[in-house]
Amino acid sequence: MNFDNQSPSENTDGSDHVRRAIKIVGSGVALAERLGVTPVSLNNWASGKRPVPIIRCVEIEEITGGQVTRKQLRPDDWHQIWPELREKY
């Protein structure tokens, strides 16, 4: 599967950050293997067809050493999923 030819999304679904995680790891196949998912599933996230599952967001954040965060992967609902990540003023 070719993950590099995805056009940048204009929405805020986190797919751009999935593609960035793929580049950080080296390939879509390598990231899929590390996550224990199929390349097809990863492609669905990278293309914005499906959201990144919550548990995978945490794993991607860990695999990328924090270069891609849960907040970036789930921009619309991260504050509901991980309320502890909200900034406290």
PDB file of N, CA and C in Angstrom:
ATOM      1  N   MET A   1       0.842  -1.176   0.000  1.00  0.00           N
ATOM      2  CA  MET A   1       0.000   0.000   0.000  1.00  0.00           C
ATOM      3  C   MET A   1       0.886   1.237   0.000  1.00  0.00           C
ATOM      4  N   ASN A   2       0.481   2.214  -0.745  1.00  0.00           N
ATOM      5  CA  ASN A   2       1.252   3.445  -0.827  1.00  0.00           C
ATOM      6  C   ASN A   2       0.621   4.501   0.056  1.00  0.00           C
ATOM      7  N   PHE A   3       1.276   4.787   1.168  1.00  0.00           N
ATOM      8  CA  PHE A   3       0.762   5.750   2.125  1.00  0.00           C
ATOM      9  C   PHE A   3       1.258   7.160   1.824  1.00  0.00           C
ATOM     10  N   ASP A   4       2.285   7.280   0.995  1.00  0.00           N
ATOM     11  CA  ASP A   4       2.895   8.579   0.749  1.00  0.00           C
ATOM     12  C   ASP A   4       2.150   9.415  -0.270  1.00  0.00           C
ATOM     13  N   ASN A   5       1.317   8.813  -1.092  1.00  0.00           N
ATOM     14  CA  ASN A   5       0.629   9.566  -2.131  1.00  0.00           C
ATOM     15  C   ASN A   5      -0.720  10.103  -1.692  1.00  0.00           C
ATOM     16  N   GLN A   6      -0.975  10.117  -0.401  1.00  0.00           N
ATOM     17  CA  GLN A   6      -2.213  10.685   0.100  1.00  0.00           C
ATOM     18  C   GLN A   6      -2.117  12.203   0.027  1.00  0.00           C
ATOM     19  N   SER A   7      -3.162  12.836  -0.469  1.00  0.00           N
ATOM     20  CA  SER A   7      -3.151  14.295  -0.492  1.00  0.00           C
ATOM     21  C   SER A   7      -3.462  14.814   0.901  1.00  0.00           C
ATOM     22  N   PRO A   8      -2.883  15.965   1.270  1.00  0.00           N
ATOM     23  CA  PRO A   8      -3.157  16.516   2.598  1.00  0.00           C
ATOM     24  C   PRO A   8      -4.646  16.794   2.760  1.00  0.00           C
ATOM     25  N   SER A   9      -5.172  16.478   3.900  1.00  0.00           N
ATOM     26  CA  SER A   9      -6.594  16.710   4.117  1.00  0.00           C
ATOM     27  C   SER A   9      -6.835  18.163   4.485  1.00  0.00           C
ATOM     28  N   GLU A  10      -8.014  18.629   4.156  1.00  0.00           N
ATOM     29  CA  GLU A  10      -8.392  19.986   4.513  1.00  0.00           C
ATOM     30  C   GLU A  10      -9.185  20.000   5.802  1.00  0.00           C
ATOM     31  N   ASN A  11      -9.528  18.834   6.313  1.00  0.00           N
ATOM     32  CA  ASN A  11     -10.295  18.785   7.546  1.00  0.00           C
ATOM     33  C   ASN A  11      -9.364  18.513   8.715  1.00  0.00           C
ATOM     34  N   THR A  12      -9.950  18.385   9.871  1.00  0.00           N
ATOM     35  CA  THR A  12      -9.151  18.192  11.075  1.00  0.00           C
ATOM     36  C   THR A  12      -9.409  16.817  11.671  1.00  0.00           C
ATOM     37  N   ASP A  13      -9.249  15.792  10.851  1.00  0.00           N
ATOM     38  CA  ASP A  13      -9.548  14.442  11.311  1.00  0.00           C
ATOM     39  C   ASP A  13      -8.339  13.684  11.845  1.00  0.00           C
ATOM     40  N   GLY A  14      -7.182  14.269  11.834  1.00  0.00           N
ATOM     41  CA  GLY A  14      -5.995  13.594  12.333  1.00  0.00           C
ATOM     42  C   GLY A  14      -5.243  12.791  11.298  1.00  0.00           C
ATOM     43  N   SER A  15      -5.779  12.688  10.073  1.00  0.00           N
ATOM     44  CA  SER A  15      -5.133  11.848   9.063  1.00  0.00           C
ATOM     45  C   SER A  15      -3.753  12.372   8.667  1.00  0.00           C
ATOM     46  N   ASP A  16      -3.572  13.685   8.645  1.00  0.00           N
ATOM     47  CA  ASP A  16      -2.246  14.241   8.347  1.00  0.00           C
ATOM     48  C   ASP A  16      -1.217  13.745   9.365  1.00  0.00           C
ATOM     49  N   HIS A  17      -1.644  13.631  10.607  1.00  0.00           N
ATOM     50  CA  HIS A  17      -0.729  13.204  11.662  1.00  0.00           C
ATOM     51  C   HIS A  17      -0.453  11.705  11.591  1.00  0.00           C
ATOM     52  N   VAL A  18      -1.409  10.943  11.093  1.00  0.00           N
ATOM     53  CA  VAL A  18      -1.148   9.516  10.860  1.00  0.00           C
ATOM     54  C   VAL A  18      -0.064   9.386   9.800  1.00  0.00           C
ATOM     55  N   ARG A  19      -0.174  10.164   8.740  1.00  0.00           N
ATOM     56  CA  ARG A  19       0.848  10.114   7.682  1.00  0.00           C
ATOM     57  C   ARG A  19       2.208  10.570   8.215  1.00  0.00           C
ATOM     58  N   ARG A  20       2.201  11.529   9.123  1.00  0.00           N
ATOM     59  CA  ARG A  20       3.465  11.967   9.730  1.00  0.00           C
ATOM     60  C   ARG A  20       4.062  10.842  10.578  1.00  0.00           C
ATOM     61  N   ALA A  21       3.224  10.118  11.306  1.00  0.00           N
ATOM     62  CA  ALA A  21       3.699   8.981  12.108  1.00  0.00           C
ATOM     63  C   ALA A  21       4.306   7.908  11.213  1.00  0.00           C
ATOM     64  N   ILE A  22       3.690   7.682  10.063  1.00  0.00           N
ATOM     65  CA  ILE A  22       4.221   6.707   9.109  1.00  0.00           C
ATOM     66  C   ILE A  22       5.619   7.120   8.673  1.00  0.00           C
ATOM     67  N   LYS A  23       5.803   8.398   8.376  1.00  0.00           N
ATOM     68  CA  LYS A  23       7.131   8.879   7.963  1.00  0.00           C
ATOM     69  C   LYS A  23       8.146   8.743   9.091  1.00  0.00           C
ATOM     70  N   ILE A  24       7.727   9.024  10.306  1.00  0.00           N
ATOM     71  CA  ILE A  24       8.634   8.921  11.454  1.00  0.00           C
ATOM     72  C   ILE A  24       9.109   7.480  11.629  1.00  0.00           C
ATOM     73  N   VAL A  25       8.191   6.534  11.512  1.00  0.00           N
ATOM     74  CA  VAL A  25       8.529   5.117  11.699  1.00  0.00           C
ATOM     75  C   VAL A  25       9.289   4.560  10.502  1.00  0.00           C
ATOM     76  N   GLY A  26       9.014   5.100   9.325  1.00  0.00           N
ATOM     77  CA  GLY A  26       9.750   4.661   8.139  1.00  0.00           C
ATOM     78  C   GLY A  26       8.879   4.122   7.027  1.00  0.00           C
ATOM     79  N   SER A  27       7.775   3.484   7.385  1.00  0.00           N
ATOM     80  CA  SER A  27       6.844   2.987   6.361  1.00  0.00           C
ATOM     81  C   SER A  27       5.516   2.641   7.010  1.00  0.00           C
ATOM     82  N   GLY A  28       4.493   2.578   6.174  1.00  0.00           N
ATOM     83  CA  GLY A  28       3.180   2.187   6.665  1.00  0.00           C
ATOM     84  C   GLY A  28       3.156   0.754   7.146  1.00  0.00           C
ATOM     85  N   VAL A  29       3.862  -0.097   6.437  1.00  0.00           N
ATOM     86  CA  VAL A  29       3.918  -1.508   6.831  1.00  0.00           C
ATOM     87  C   VAL A  29       4.583  -1.636   8.198  1.00  0.00           C
ATOM     88  N   ALA A  30       5.664  -0.900   8.417  1.00  0.00           N
ATOM     89  CA  ALA A  30       6.366  -0.969   9.702  1.00  0.00           C
ATOM     90  C   ALA A  30       5.476  -0.475  10.842  1.00  0.00           C
ATOM     91  N   LEU A  31       4.769   0.628  10.622  1.00  0.00           N
ATOM     92  CA  LEU A  31       3.886   1.140  11.674  1.00  0.00           C
ATOM     93  C   LEU A  31       2.732   0.176  11.917  1.00  0.00           C
ATOM     94  N   ALA A  32       2.149  -0.354  10.862  1.00  0.00           N
ATOM     95  CA  ALA A  32       1.054  -1.320  11.016  1.00  0.00           C
ATOM     96  C   ALA A  32       1.516  -2.534  11.823  1.00  0.00           C
ATOM     97  N   GLU A  33       2.708  -3.034  11.523  1.00  0.00           N
ATOM     98  CA  GLU A  33       3.241  -4.185  12.260  1.00  0.00           C
ATOM     99  C   GLU A  33       3.431  -3.850  13.729  1.00  0.00           C
ATOM    100  N   ARG A  34       3.979  -2.676  14.010  1.00  0.00           N
ATOM    101  CA  ARG A  34       4.207  -2.291  15.411  1.00  0.00           C
ATOM    102  C   ARG A  34       2.902  -2.125  16.171  1.00  0.00           C
ATOM    103  N   LEU A  35       1.855  -1.700  15.459  1.00  0.00           N
ATOM    104  CA  LEU A  35       0.547  -1.519  16.092  1.00  0.00           C
ATOM    105  C   LEU A  35      -0.266  -2.809  16.131  1.00  0.00           C
ATOM    106  N   GLY A  36       0.160  -3.808  15.361  1.00  0.00           N
ATOM    107  CA  GLY A  36      -0.592  -5.054  15.294  1.00  0.00           C
ATOM    108  C   GLY A  36      -1.898  -4.920  14.519  1.00  0.00           C
ATOM    109  N   VAL A  37      -1.869  -4.056  13.499  1.00  0.00           N
ATOM    110  CA  VAL A  37      -3.047  -3.857  12.645  1.00  0.00           C
ATOM    111  C   VAL A  37      -2.664  -4.148  11.199  1.00  0.00           C
ATOM    112  N   THR A  38      -3.652  -4.249  10.349  1.00  0.00           N
ATOM    113  CA  THR A  38      -3.372  -4.477   8.934  1.00  0.00           C
ATOM    114  C   THR A  38      -3.016  -3.161   8.252  1.00  0.00           C
ATOM    115  N   PRO A  39      -2.232  -3.222   7.191  1.00  0.00           N
ATOM    116  CA  PRO A  39      -1.963  -2.013   6.414  1.00  0.00           C
ATOM    117  C   PRO A  39      -3.245  -1.362   5.887  1.00  0.00           C
ATOM    118  N   VAL A  40      -4.268  -2.152   5.622  1.00  0.00           N
ATOM    119  CA  VAL A  40      -5.549  -1.599   5.159  1.00  0.00           C
ATOM    120  C   VAL A  40      -6.163  -0.709   6.241  1.00  0.00           C
ATOM    121  N   SER A  41      -6.133  -1.167   7.485  1.00  0.00           N
ATOM    122  CA  SER A  41      -6.652  -0.345   8.587  1.00  0.00           C
ATOM    123  C   SER A  41      -5.875   0.955   8.696  1.00  0.00           C
ATOM    124  N   LEU A  42      -4.563   0.858   8.640  1.00  0.00           N
ATOM    125  CA  LEU A  42      -3.729   2.054   8.730  1.00  0.00           C
ATOM    126  C   LEU A  42      -4.022   3.002   7.572  1.00  0.00           C
ATOM    127  N   ASN A  43      -4.210   2.461   6.391  1.00  0.00           N
ATOM    128  CA  ASN A  43      -4.539   3.283   5.232  1.00  0.00           C
ATOM    129  C   ASN A  43      -5.872   4.007   5.431  1.00  0.00           C
ATOM    130  N   ASN A  44      -6.836   3.340   6.042  1.00  0.00           N
ATOM    131  CA  ASN A  44      -8.122   3.983   6.325  1.00  0.00           C
ATOM    132  C   ASN A  44      -7.964   5.172   7.262  1.00  0.00           C
ATOM    133  N   TRP A  45      -7.067   5.064   8.230  1.00  0.00           N
ATOM    134  CA  TRP A  45      -6.821   6.191   9.134  1.00  0.00           C
ATOM    135  C   TRP A  45      -6.077   7.301   8.410  1.00  0.00           C
ATOM    136  N   ALA A  46      -5.072   6.910   7.611  1.00  0.00           N
ATOM    137  CA  ALA A  46      -4.241   7.893   6.904  1.00  0.00           C
ATOM    138  C   ALA A  46      -5.025   8.658   5.844  1.00  0.00           C
ATOM    139  N   SER A  47      -6.058   8.041   5.311  1.00  0.00           N
ATOM    140  CA  SER A  47      -6.865   8.705   4.285  1.00  0.00           C
ATOM    141  C   SER A  47      -8.058   9.441   4.879  1.00  0.00           C
ATOM    142  N   GLY A  48      -8.269   9.301   6.175  1.00  0.00           N
ATOM    143  CA  GLY A  48      -9.393   9.963   6.824  1.00  0.00           C
ATOM    144  C   GLY A  48     -10.711   9.222   6.683  1.00  0.00           C
ATOM    145  N   LYS A  49     -10.667   8.001   6.154  1.00  0.00           N
ATOM    146  CA  LYS A  49     -11.903   7.218   5.997  1.00  0.00           C
ATOM    147  C   LYS A  49     -12.445   6.752   7.335  1.00  0.00           C
ATOM    148  N   ARG A  50     -11.553   6.503   8.263  1.00  0.00           N
ATOM    149  CA  ARG A  50     -11.947   6.072   9.607  1.00  0.00           C
ATOM    150  C   ARG A  50     -11.075   6.798  10.628  1.00  0.00           C
ATOM    151  N   PRO A  51     -11.639   7.095  11.795  1.00  0.00           N
ATOM    152  CA  PRO A  51     -10.812   7.722  12.833  1.00  0.00           C
ATOM    153  C   PRO A  51      -9.847   6.705  13.440  1.00  0.00           C
ATOM    154  N   VAL A  52      -8.762   7.199  13.968  1.00  0.00           N
ATOM    155  CA  VAL A  52      -7.814   6.325  14.660  1.00  0.00           C
ATOM    156  C   VAL A  52      -8.486   5.853  15.954  1.00  0.00           C
ATOM    157  N   PRO A  53      -8.538   4.545  16.200  1.00  0.00           N
ATOM    158  CA  PRO A  53      -9.126   4.058  17.451  1.00  0.00           C
ATOM    159  C   PRO A  53      -8.376   4.621  18.658  1.00  0.00           C
ATOM    160  N   ILE A  54      -9.104   4.847  19.715  1.00  0.00           N
ATOM    161  CA  ILE A  54      -8.545   5.484  20.914  1.00  0.00           C
ATOM    162  C   ILE A  54      -7.283   4.780  21.396  1.00  0.00           C
ATOM    163  N   ILE A  55      -7.312   3.475  21.530  1.00  0.00           N
ATOM    164  CA  ILE A  55      -6.144   2.742  22.031  1.00  0.00           C
ATOM    165  C   ILE A  55      -4.951   2.893  21.098  1.00  0.00           C
ATOM    166  N   ARG A  56      -5.193   2.992  19.818  1.00  0.00           N
ATOM    167  CA  ARG A  56      -4.098   3.152  18.857  1.00  0.00           C
ATOM    168  C   ARG A  56      -3.484   4.541  18.950  1.00  0.00           C
ATOM    169  N   CYS A  57      -4.267   5.532  19.344  1.00  0.00           N
ATOM    170  CA  CYS A  57      -3.716   6.886  19.501  1.00  0.00           C
ATOM    171  C   CYS A  57      -2.613   6.898  20.552  1.00  0.00           C
ATOM    172  N   VAL A  58      -2.873   6.249  21.661  1.00  0.00           N
ATOM    173  CA  VAL A  58      -1.880   6.172  22.733  1.00  0.00           C
ATOM    174  C   VAL A  58      -0.638   5.436  22.240  1.00  0.00           C
ATOM    175  N   GLU A  59      -0.836   4.347  21.517  1.00  0.00           N
ATOM    176  CA  GLU A  59       0.296   3.569  21.003  1.00  0.00           C
ATOM    177  C   GLU A  59       1.114   4.372  19.996  1.00  0.00           C
ATOM    178  N   ILE A  60       0.441   5.102  19.110  1.00  0.00           N
ATOM    179  CA  ILE A  60       1.161   5.924  18.125  1.00  0.00           C
ATOM    180  C   ILE A  60       1.950   7.013  18.831  1.00  0.00           C
ATOM    181  N   GLU A  61       1.373   7.617  19.856  1.00  0.00           N
ATOM    182  CA  GLU A  61       2.091   8.633  20.621  1.00  0.00           C
ATOM    183  C   GLU A  61       3.359   8.032  21.236  1.00  0.00           C
ATOM    184  N   GLU A  62       3.256   6.839  21.780  1.00  0.00           N
ATOM    185  CA  GLU A  62       4.419   6.175  22.382  1.00  0.00           C
ATOM    186  C   GLU A  62       5.445   5.782  21.326  1.00  0.00           C
ATOM    187  N   ILE A  63       4.988   5.195  20.219  1.00  0.00           N
ATOM    188  CA  ILE A  63       5.899   4.744  19.162  1.00  0.00           C
ATOM    189  C   ILE A  63       6.678   5.907  18.565  1.00  0.00           C
ATOM    190  N   THR A  64       6.027   7.066  18.425  1.00  0.00           N
ATOM    191  CA  THR A  64       6.692   8.233  17.827  1.00  0.00           C
ATOM    192  C   THR A  64       7.421   9.078  18.865  1.00  0.00           C
ATOM    193  N   GLY A  65       7.466   8.624  20.080  1.00  0.00           N
ATOM    194  CA  GLY A  65       8.149   9.378  21.121  1.00  0.00           C
ATOM    195  C   GLY A  65       7.509  10.734  21.381  1.00  0.00           C
ATOM    196  N   GLY A  66       6.199  10.814  21.188  1.00  0.00           N
ATOM    197  CA  GLY A  66       5.481  12.058  21.432  1.00  0.00           C
ATOM    198  C   GLY A  66       5.503  13.045  20.279  1.00  0.00           C
ATOM    199  N   GLN A  67       6.137  12.676  19.172  1.00  0.00           N
ATOM    200  CA  GLN A  67       6.154  13.574  18.009  1.00  0.00           C
ATOM    201  C   GLN A  67       4.773  13.687  17.373  1.00  0.00           C
ATOM    202  N   VAL A  68       3.966  12.646  17.514  1.00  0.00           N
ATOM    203  CA  VAL A  68       2.562  12.665  17.102  1.00  0.00           C
ATOM    204  C   VAL A  68       1.766  12.357  18.366  1.00  0.00           C
ATOM    205  N   THR A  69       0.872  13.257  18.738  1.00  0.00           N
ATOM    206  CA  THR A  69       0.167  13.121  20.011  1.00  0.00           C
ATOM    207  C   THR A  69      -1.275  12.654  19.840  1.00  0.00           C
ATOM    208  N   ARG A  70      -1.836  12.198  20.948  1.00  0.00           N
ATOM    209  CA  ARG A  70      -3.248  11.805  20.980  1.00  0.00           C
ATOM    210  C   ARG A  70      -4.144  12.970  20.583  1.00  0.00           C
ATOM    211  N   LYS A  71      -3.793  14.146  21.055  1.00  0.00           N
ATOM    212  CA  LYS A  71      -4.583  15.339  20.731  1.00  0.00           C
ATOM    213  C   LYS A  71      -4.614  15.577  19.224  1.00  0.00           C
ATOM    214  N   GLN A  72      -3.492  15.371  18.570  1.00  0.00           N
ATOM    215  CA  GLN A  72      -3.419  15.577  17.123  1.00  0.00           C
ATOM    216  C   GLN A  72      -4.202  14.510  16.363  1.00  0.00           C
ATOM    217  N   LEU A  73      -4.187  13.298  16.865  1.00  0.00           N
ATOM    218  CA  LEU A  73      -4.861  12.198  16.185  1.00  0.00           C
ATOM    219  C   LEU A  73      -6.378  12.224  16.372  1.00  0.00           C
ATOM    220  N   ARG A  74      -6.845  12.810  17.471  1.00  0.00           N
ATOM    221  CA  ARG A  74      -8.284  12.901  17.754  1.00  0.00           C
ATOM    222  C   ARG A  74      -8.631  14.349  18.102  1.00  0.00           C
ATOM    223  N   PRO A  75      -8.464  15.288  17.161  1.00  0.00           N
ATOM    224  CA  PRO A  75      -8.623  16.712  17.472  1.00  0.00           C
ATOM    225  C   PRO A  75     -10.030  17.120  17.895  1.00  0.00           C
ATOM    226  N   ASP A  76     -11.035  16.369  17.509  1.00  0.00           N
ATOM    227  CA  ASP A  76     -12.407  16.764  17.820  1.00  0.00           C
ATOM    228  C   ASP A  76     -12.925  16.247  19.156  1.00  0.00           C
ATOM    229  N   ASP A  77     -12.305  15.204  19.691  1.00  0.00           N
ATOM    230  CA  ASP A  77     -12.863  14.631  20.923  1.00  0.00           C
ATOM    231  C   ASP A  77     -11.826  14.249  21.980  1.00  0.00           C
ATOM    232  N   TRP A  78     -10.567  14.622  21.773  1.00  0.00           N
ATOM    233  CA  TRP A  78      -9.535  14.226  22.734  1.00  0.00           C
ATOM    234  C   TRP A  78      -9.862  14.689  24.150  1.00  0.00           C
ATOM    235  N   HIS A  79     -10.447  15.876  24.277  1.00  0.00           N
ATOM    236  CA  HIS A  79     -10.733  16.440  25.603  1.00  0.00           C
ATOM    237  C   HIS A  79     -11.797  15.631  26.346  1.00  0.00           C
ATOM    238  N   GLN A  80     -12.645  14.908  25.615  1.00  0.00           N
ATOM    239  CA  GLN A  80     -13.638  14.045  26.252  1.00  0.00           C
ATOM    240  C   GLN A  80     -13.043  12.683  26.599  1.00  0.00           C
ATOM    241  N   ILE A  81     -12.121  12.224  25.775  1.00  0.00           N
ATOM    242  CA  ILE A  81     -11.508  10.910  25.984  1.00  0.00           C
ATOM    243  C   ILE A  81     -10.447  10.971  27.081  1.00  0.00           C
ATOM    244  N   TRP A  82      -9.611  12.003  27.019  1.00  0.00           N
ATOM    245  CA  TRP A  82      -8.509  12.165  27.970  1.00  0.00           C
ATOM    246  C   TRP A  82      -8.630  13.523  28.665  1.00  0.00           C
ATOM    247  N   PRO A  83      -9.595  13.698  29.564  1.00  0.00           N
ATOM    248  CA  PRO A  83      -9.784  15.010  30.200  1.00  0.00           C
ATOM    249  C   PRO A  83      -8.560  15.463  30.996  1.00  0.00           C
ATOM    250  N   GLU A  84      -7.737  14.519  31.396  1.00  0.00           N
ATOM    251  CA  GLU A  84      -6.532  14.883  32.161  1.00  0.00           C
ATOM    252  C   GLU A  84      -5.524  15.655  31.314  1.00  0.00           C
ATOM    253  N   LEU A  85      -5.687  15.634  29.987  1.00  0.00           N
ATOM    254  CA  LEU A  85      -4.764  16.358  29.108  1.00  0.00           C
ATOM    255  C   LEU A  85      -5.164  17.818  28.909  1.00  0.00           C
ATOM    256  N   ARG A  86      -6.344  18.185  29.385  1.00  0.00           N
ATOM    257  CA  ARG A  86      -6.772  19.584  29.257  1.00  0.00           C
ATOM    258  C   ARG A  86      -5.841  20.461  30.069  1.00  0.00           C
ATOM    259  N   GLU A  87      -5.521  21.603  29.496  1.00  0.00           N
ATOM    260  CA  GLU A  87      -4.669  22.547  30.226  1.00  0.00           C
ATOM    261  C   GLU A  87      -5.457  23.134  31.378  1.00  0.00           C
ATOM    262  N   LYS A  88      -4.796  23.259  32.488  1.00  0.00           N
ATOM    263  CA  LYS A  88      -5.429  23.853  33.665  1.00  0.00           C
ATOM    264  C   LYS A  88      -4.906  25.266  33.825  1.00  0.00           C
ATOM    265  N   TYR A  89      -5.835  26.172  33.996  1.00  0.00           N
ATOM    266  CA  TYR A  89      -5.450  27.589  34.143  1.00  0.00           C
ATOM    267  C   TYR A  89      -5.599  28.032  35.558  1.00  0.00           C
TER     268      TYR A  89
END
